[in-house]
């Protein structure tokens, strides 16, 4: 692991990949971020069930 792939790099790549105005990009990013949080939460809680 050389540290080149960081969450910030991924976010920046997503940000660059989003078309539209800055506010549209921010909206899309926060949607992606929320989806990640929900995914992580559901994954974590399913682990805790066992």
N, C-alpha and C. Protein backbone atom coordinates (compact mmCIF):
# COMPACT_ATOMS: atom_id res chain seq x y z
N UNK A 1 0.86 -1.20 0.00
CA UNK A 1 0.00 0.00 0.00
C UNK A 1 0.88 1.24 0.00
N UNK A 2 0.85 1.98 -1.08
CA UNK A 2 1.74 3.14 -1.19
C UNK A 2 1.06 4.46 -0.84
N UNK A 3 -0.21 4.39 -0.49
CA UNK A 3 -0.90 5.59 -0.02
C UNK A 3 -1.37 6.53 -1.13
N UNK A 4 -1.27 6.10 -2.39
CA UNK A 4 -1.70 7.00 -3.46
C UNK A 4 -3.22 7.05 -3.57
N UNK A 5 -3.88 5.95 -3.20
CA UNK A 5 -5.34 5.95 -3.21
C UNK A 5 -5.82 6.32 -1.82
N UNK A 6 -6.25 7.54 -1.66
CA UNK A 6 -6.77 8.00 -0.38
C UNK A 6 -8.24 8.34 -0.57
N UNK A 7 -8.99 8.40 0.54
CA UNK A 7 -10.39 8.84 0.41
C UNK A 7 -10.50 10.18 -0.31
N UNK A 8 -9.53 11.08 -0.04
CA UNK A 8 -9.58 12.39 -0.69
C UNK A 8 -9.36 12.27 -2.18
N UNK A 9 -8.46 11.37 -2.59
CA UNK A 9 -8.23 11.19 -4.03
C UNK A 9 -9.48 10.64 -4.69
N UNK A 10 -10.12 9.68 -4.02
CA UNK A 10 -11.35 9.10 -4.56
C UNK A 10 -12.42 10.18 -4.68
N UNK A 11 -12.56 10.99 -3.62
CA UNK A 11 -13.54 12.08 -3.64
C UNK A 11 -13.23 13.06 -4.76
N UNK A 12 -11.95 13.38 -4.93
CA UNK A 12 -11.57 14.31 -5.98
C UNK A 12 -11.89 13.74 -7.35
N UNK A 13 -11.61 12.44 -7.53
CA UNK A 13 -11.92 11.80 -8.81
C UNK A 13 -13.42 11.83 -9.07
N UNK A 14 -14.20 11.54 -8.03
CA UNK A 14 -15.66 11.59 -8.16
C UNK A 14 -16.09 13.01 -8.51
N UNK A 15 -15.49 13.96 -7.80
CA UNK A 15 -15.82 15.36 -8.00
C UNK A 15 -15.54 15.78 -9.43
N UNK A 16 -14.37 15.38 -9.94
CA UNK A 16 -14.01 15.71 -11.32
C UNK A 16 -14.94 15.00 -12.30
N UNK A 17 -15.40 13.81 -11.92
CA UNK A 17 -16.25 13.02 -12.80
C UNK A 17 -17.68 13.53 -12.85
N UNK A 18 -18.07 14.35 -11.88
CA UNK A 18 -19.43 14.88 -11.86
C UNK A 18 -19.54 16.05 -12.81
N UNK A 19 -20.54 16.01 -13.66
CA UNK A 19 -20.78 17.15 -14.53
C UNK A 19 -21.73 18.11 -13.84
N UNK A 20 -21.72 19.35 -14.29
CA UNK A 20 -22.65 20.33 -13.73
C UNK A 20 -21.93 21.42 -12.95
N UNK A 21 -22.74 22.27 -12.34
CA UNK A 21 -22.19 23.39 -11.58
C UNK A 21 -21.60 22.90 -10.27
N UNK A 22 -20.93 23.80 -9.58
CA UNK A 22 -20.30 23.45 -8.31
C UNK A 22 -21.33 22.95 -7.31
N UNK A 23 -22.48 23.61 -7.22
CA UNK A 23 -23.50 23.20 -6.25
C UNK A 23 -24.07 21.83 -6.61
N UNK A 24 -24.22 21.57 -7.92
CA UNK A 24 -24.68 20.25 -8.35
C UNK A 24 -23.67 19.18 -7.99
N UNK A 25 -22.38 19.52 -8.15
CA UNK A 25 -21.33 18.57 -7.79
C UNK A 25 -21.36 18.28 -6.30
N UNK A 26 -21.51 19.33 -5.49
CA UNK A 26 -21.55 19.16 -4.04
C UNK A 26 -22.73 18.27 -3.66
N UNK A 27 -23.87 18.49 -4.31
CA UNK A 27 -25.07 17.72 -4.02
C UNK A 27 -24.83 16.24 -4.34
N UNK A 28 -24.23 16.00 -5.50
CA UNK A 28 -23.95 14.63 -5.91
C UNK A 28 -22.97 13.97 -4.95
N UNK A 29 -21.94 14.73 -4.54
CA UNK A 29 -20.95 14.20 -3.62
C UNK A 29 -21.58 13.84 -2.28
N UNK A 30 -22.45 14.70 -1.76
CA UNK A 30 -23.05 14.41 -0.47
C UNK A 30 -23.99 13.20 -0.56
N UNK A 31 -24.63 13.03 -1.72
CA UNK A 31 -25.46 11.85 -1.93
C UNK A 31 -24.60 10.59 -1.90
N UNK A 32 -23.48 10.63 -2.62
CA UNK A 32 -22.56 9.49 -2.63
C UNK A 32 -22.04 9.22 -1.22
N UNK A 33 -21.69 10.28 -0.51
CA UNK A 33 -21.17 10.13 0.85
C UNK A 33 -22.21 9.48 1.75
N UNK A 34 -23.47 9.93 1.66
CA UNK A 34 -24.53 9.37 2.48
C UNK A 34 -24.73 7.89 2.16
N UNK A 35 -24.69 7.54 0.88
CA UNK A 35 -24.85 6.14 0.49
C UNK A 35 -23.74 5.29 1.10
N UNK A 36 -22.51 5.84 1.11
CA UNK A 36 -21.39 5.11 1.69
C UNK A 36 -21.60 4.90 3.19
N UNK A 37 -22.05 5.95 3.87
CA UNK A 37 -22.28 5.87 5.31
C UNK A 37 -23.33 4.81 5.61
N UNK A 38 -24.44 4.85 4.86
CA UNK A 38 -25.53 3.89 5.06
C UNK A 38 -25.02 2.47 4.80
N UNK A 39 -24.24 2.30 3.72
CA UNK A 39 -23.67 0.99 3.42
C UNK A 39 -22.80 0.50 4.56
N UNK A 40 -21.93 1.38 5.05
CA UNK A 40 -21.04 1.01 6.14
C UNK A 40 -21.82 0.67 7.40
N UNK A 41 -22.86 1.44 7.69
CA UNK A 41 -23.67 1.19 8.88
C UNK A 41 -24.36 -0.16 8.78
N UNK A 42 -24.97 -0.45 7.64
CA UNK A 42 -25.69 -1.71 7.50
C UNK A 42 -24.72 -2.88 7.52
N UNK A 43 -23.54 -2.67 6.96
CA UNK A 43 -22.53 -3.73 6.97
C UNK A 43 -22.07 -3.99 8.40
N UNK A 44 -21.82 -2.92 9.15
CA UNK A 44 -21.36 -3.05 10.52
C UNK A 44 -22.42 -3.70 11.39
N UNK A 45 -23.67 -3.27 11.25
CA UNK A 45 -24.72 -3.82 12.11
C UNK A 45 -25.00 -5.28 11.77
N UNK A 46 -24.81 -5.68 10.51
CA UNK A 46 -25.02 -7.08 10.18
C UNK A 46 -23.92 -7.94 10.80
N UNK A 47 -22.72 -7.37 10.92
CA UNK A 47 -21.61 -8.08 11.58
C UNK A 47 -21.95 -8.26 13.06
N UNK A 48 -22.48 -7.21 13.67
CA UNK A 48 -22.74 -7.24 15.11
C UNK A 48 -23.83 -8.23 15.48
N UNK A 49 -24.67 -8.60 14.51
CA UNK A 49 -25.73 -9.56 14.79
C UNK A 49 -25.18 -10.95 15.09
N UNK A 50 -23.99 -11.24 14.59
CA UNK A 50 -23.45 -12.60 14.75
C UNK A 50 -22.63 -12.77 16.03
